[in-house]
């Protein structure tokens, strides 16, 4: 079962595509551009449609989703954590 989707191996977050991801779940993440699957462990609950961190990120790091720069980290994020508006902000403002 695929739990998370990302486009590019450089992506730092993936999108949860199933409901019910809870802390401790081993997630299968499909890298679409390479047709490859990697695994990470969720360390927080991740709602469907939300992002999960694929690697540790520090304040100021650029966040990549679907191969695109979507913003910057404003609070440290660990691998497997929920990545959302509480720890990522757009660079537009």
C-alpha atoms as a PDB file:
ATOM      1  CA  UNK A   1       0.000   0.000   0.000  1.00  0.00           C
ATOM      2  CA  UNK A   2       1.195   3.506  -0.868  1.00  0.00           C
ATOM      3  CA  UNK A   3       0.645   6.042   1.925  1.00  0.00           C
ATOM      4  CA  UNK A   4       2.559   9.057   0.591  1.00  0.00           C
ATOM      5  CA  UNK A   5       3.277  10.437  -2.891  1.00  0.00           C
ATOM      6  CA  UNK A   6       6.122  12.656  -4.063  1.00  0.00           C
ATOM      7  CA  UNK A   7       7.314  13.542  -7.544  1.00  0.00           C
ATOM      8  CA  UNK A   8      11.036  14.007  -7.235  1.00  0.00           C
ATOM      9  CA  UNK A   9      13.694  12.385  -5.054  1.00  0.00           C
ATOM     10  CA  UNK A  10      14.770  15.918  -3.995  1.00  0.00           C
ATOM     11  CA  UNK A  11      11.340  16.569  -2.445  1.00  0.00           C
ATOM     12  CA  UNK A  12      11.579  17.180   1.288  1.00  0.00           C
ATOM     13  CA  UNK A  13       7.892  16.490   1.926  1.00  0.00           C
ATOM     14  CA  UNK A  14       5.371  14.041   0.537  1.00  0.00           C
ATOM     15  CA  UNK A  15       1.575  14.142   0.493  1.00  0.00           C
ATOM     16  CA  UNK A  16      -0.491  11.678   2.531  1.00  0.00           C
ATOM     17  CA  UNK A  17      -2.891   9.935   0.140  1.00  0.00           C
ATOM     18  CA  UNK A  18      -4.694   7.688   2.631  1.00  0.00           C
ATOM     19  CA  UNK A  19      -6.685   8.353   5.779  1.00  0.00           C
ATOM     20  CA  UNK A  20      -5.717   7.151   9.216  1.00  0.00           C
ATOM     21  CA  UNK A  21      -1.955   7.689   9.272  1.00  0.00           C
ATOM     22  CA  UNK A  22      -1.040   7.585  12.936  1.00  0.00           C
ATOM     23  CA  UNK A  23       2.229   8.042  14.772  1.00  0.00           C
ATOM     24  CA  UNK A  24       4.322   4.898  14.512  1.00  0.00           C
ATOM     25  CA  UNK A  25       2.973   3.835  11.102  1.00  0.00           C
ATOM     26  CA  UNK A  26       5.614   2.766   8.596  1.00  0.00           C
ATOM     27  CA  UNK A  27       4.800   4.738   5.460  1.00  0.00           C
ATOM     28  CA  UNK A  28       5.479   3.610   1.918  1.00  0.00           C
ATOM     29  CA  UNK A  29       6.260   6.691  -0.155  1.00  0.00           C
ATOM     30  CA  UNK A  30       6.166   6.475  -3.950  1.00  0.00           C
ATOM     31  CA  UNK A  31       8.610   8.689  -5.874  1.00  0.00           C
ATOM     32  CA  UNK A  32       6.664   9.125  -9.108  1.00  0.00           C
ATOM     33  CA  UNK A  33       9.503  10.368 -11.359  1.00  0.00           C
ATOM     34  CA  UNK A  34      11.624   7.311 -10.546  1.00  0.00           C
ATOM     35  CA  UNK A  35       8.819   4.795  -9.965  1.00  0.00           C
ATOM     36  CA  UNK A  36      10.580   3.915  -6.735  1.00  0.00           C
ATOM     37  CA  UNK A  37       9.255   3.361  -3.215  1.00  0.00           C
ATOM     38  CA  UNK A  38      10.952   4.419   0.022  1.00  0.00           C
ATOM     39  CA  UNK A  39       9.808   3.891   3.609  1.00  0.00           C
ATOM     40  CA  UNK A  40       9.734   6.265   6.561  1.00  0.00           C
ATOM     41  CA  UNK A  41       8.064   6.094   9.951  1.00  0.00           C
ATOM     42  CA  UNK A  42       5.377   8.633  10.855  1.00  0.00           C
ATOM     43  CA  UNK A  43       6.209  10.235  14.186  1.00  0.00           C
ATOM     44  CA  UNK A  44       2.932  12.196  14.330  1.00  0.00           C
ATOM     45  CA  UNK A  45      -0.573  11.680  12.986  1.00  0.00           C
ATOM     46  CA  UNK A  46      -0.784  12.921   9.385  1.00  0.00           C
ATOM     47  CA  UNK A  47      -4.203  13.893   7.969  1.00  0.00           C
ATOM     48  CA  UNK A  48      -4.988  12.860   4.392  1.00  0.00           C
ATOM     49  CA  UNK A  49      -3.879  15.566   1.945  1.00  0.00           C
ATOM     50  CA  UNK A  50      -1.315  16.977   4.372  1.00  0.00           C
ATOM     51  CA  UNK A  51       2.448  16.824   4.122  1.00  0.00           C
ATOM     52  CA  UNK A  52       4.870  14.558   5.951  1.00  0.00           C
ATOM     53  CA  UNK A  53       8.553  15.434   6.289  1.00  0.00           C
ATOM     54  CA  UNK A  54      10.832  13.052   4.410  1.00  0.00           C
ATOM     55  CA  UNK A  55      13.980  14.342   6.099  1.00  0.00           C
ATOM     56  CA  UNK A  56      15.020  16.554   9.002  1.00  0.00           C
ATOM     57  CA  UNK A  57      14.813  20.265   8.200  1.00  0.00           C
ATOM     58  CA  UNK A  58      16.001  23.310  10.108  1.00  0.00           C
ATOM     59  CA  UNK A  59      14.719  26.889  10.218  1.00  0.00           C
ATOM     60  CA  UNK A  60      15.377  28.611   6.899  1.00  0.00           C
ATOM     61  CA  UNK A  61      15.560  25.418   4.819  1.00  0.00           C
ATOM     62  CA  UNK A  62      13.659  25.372   1.544  1.00  0.00           C
ATOM     63  CA  UNK A  63      10.749  22.936   1.351  1.00  0.00           C
ATOM     64  CA  UNK A  64      10.262  21.047  -1.921  1.00  0.00           C
ATOM     65  CA  UNK A  65       6.954  19.417  -2.884  1.00  0.00           C
ATOM     66  CA  UNK A  66       6.353  17.919  -6.346  1.00  0.00           C
ATOM     67  CA  UNK A  67       9.789  19.227  -7.349  1.00  0.00           C
ATOM     68  CA  UNK A  68       8.764  22.833  -6.588  1.00  0.00           C
ATOM     69  CA  UNK A  69       9.983  25.260  -3.899  1.00  0.00           C
ATOM     70  CA  UNK A  70       6.840  25.753  -1.771  1.00  0.00           C
ATOM     71  CA  UNK A  71       8.298  27.753   1.099  1.00  0.00           C
ATOM     72  CA  UNK A  72      10.678  27.838   4.013  1.00  0.00           C
ATOM     73  CA  UNK A  73      10.878  26.091   7.347  1.00  0.00           C
ATOM     74  CA  UNK A  74       9.976  28.368  10.281  1.00  0.00           C
ATOM     75  CA  UNK A  75      10.218  25.747  13.052  1.00  0.00           C
ATOM     76  CA  UNK A  76      12.428  22.626  13.050  1.00  0.00           C
ATOM     77  CA  UNK A  77      10.850  19.562  11.415  1.00  0.00           C
ATOM     78  CA  UNK A  78      12.005  15.989  11.980  1.00  0.00           C
ATOM     79  CA  UNK A  79      11.598  13.118   9.540  1.00  0.00           C
ATOM     80  CA  UNK A  80       8.087  11.664   9.805  1.00  0.00           C
ATOM     81  CA  UNK A  81       6.503  14.750  11.341  1.00  0.00           C
ATOM     82  CA  UNK A  82       3.439  16.625  10.100  1.00  0.00           C
ATOM     83  CA  UNK A  83       4.616  19.479   7.868  1.00  0.00           C
ATOM     84  CA  UNK A  84       2.023  22.241   7.611  1.00  0.00           C
ATOM     85  CA  UNK A  85       1.394  25.936   8.325  1.00  0.00           C
ATOM     86  CA  UNK A  86       2.752  25.661  11.872  1.00  0.00           C
ATOM     87  CA  UNK A  87       6.266  24.909  10.611  1.00  0.00           C
ATOM     88  CA  UNK A  88       6.291  26.008   6.923  1.00  0.00           C
ATOM     89  CA  UNK A  89       5.555  29.453   5.482  1.00  0.00           C
ATOM     90  CA  UNK A  90       5.505  30.754   1.921  1.00  0.00           C
ATOM     91  CA  UNK A  91       8.429  32.904   0.783  1.00  0.00           C
ATOM     92  CA  UNK A  92       6.011  35.332  -0.877  1.00  0.00           C
ATOM     93  CA  UNK A  93       5.476  37.414   2.265  1.00  0.00           C
END
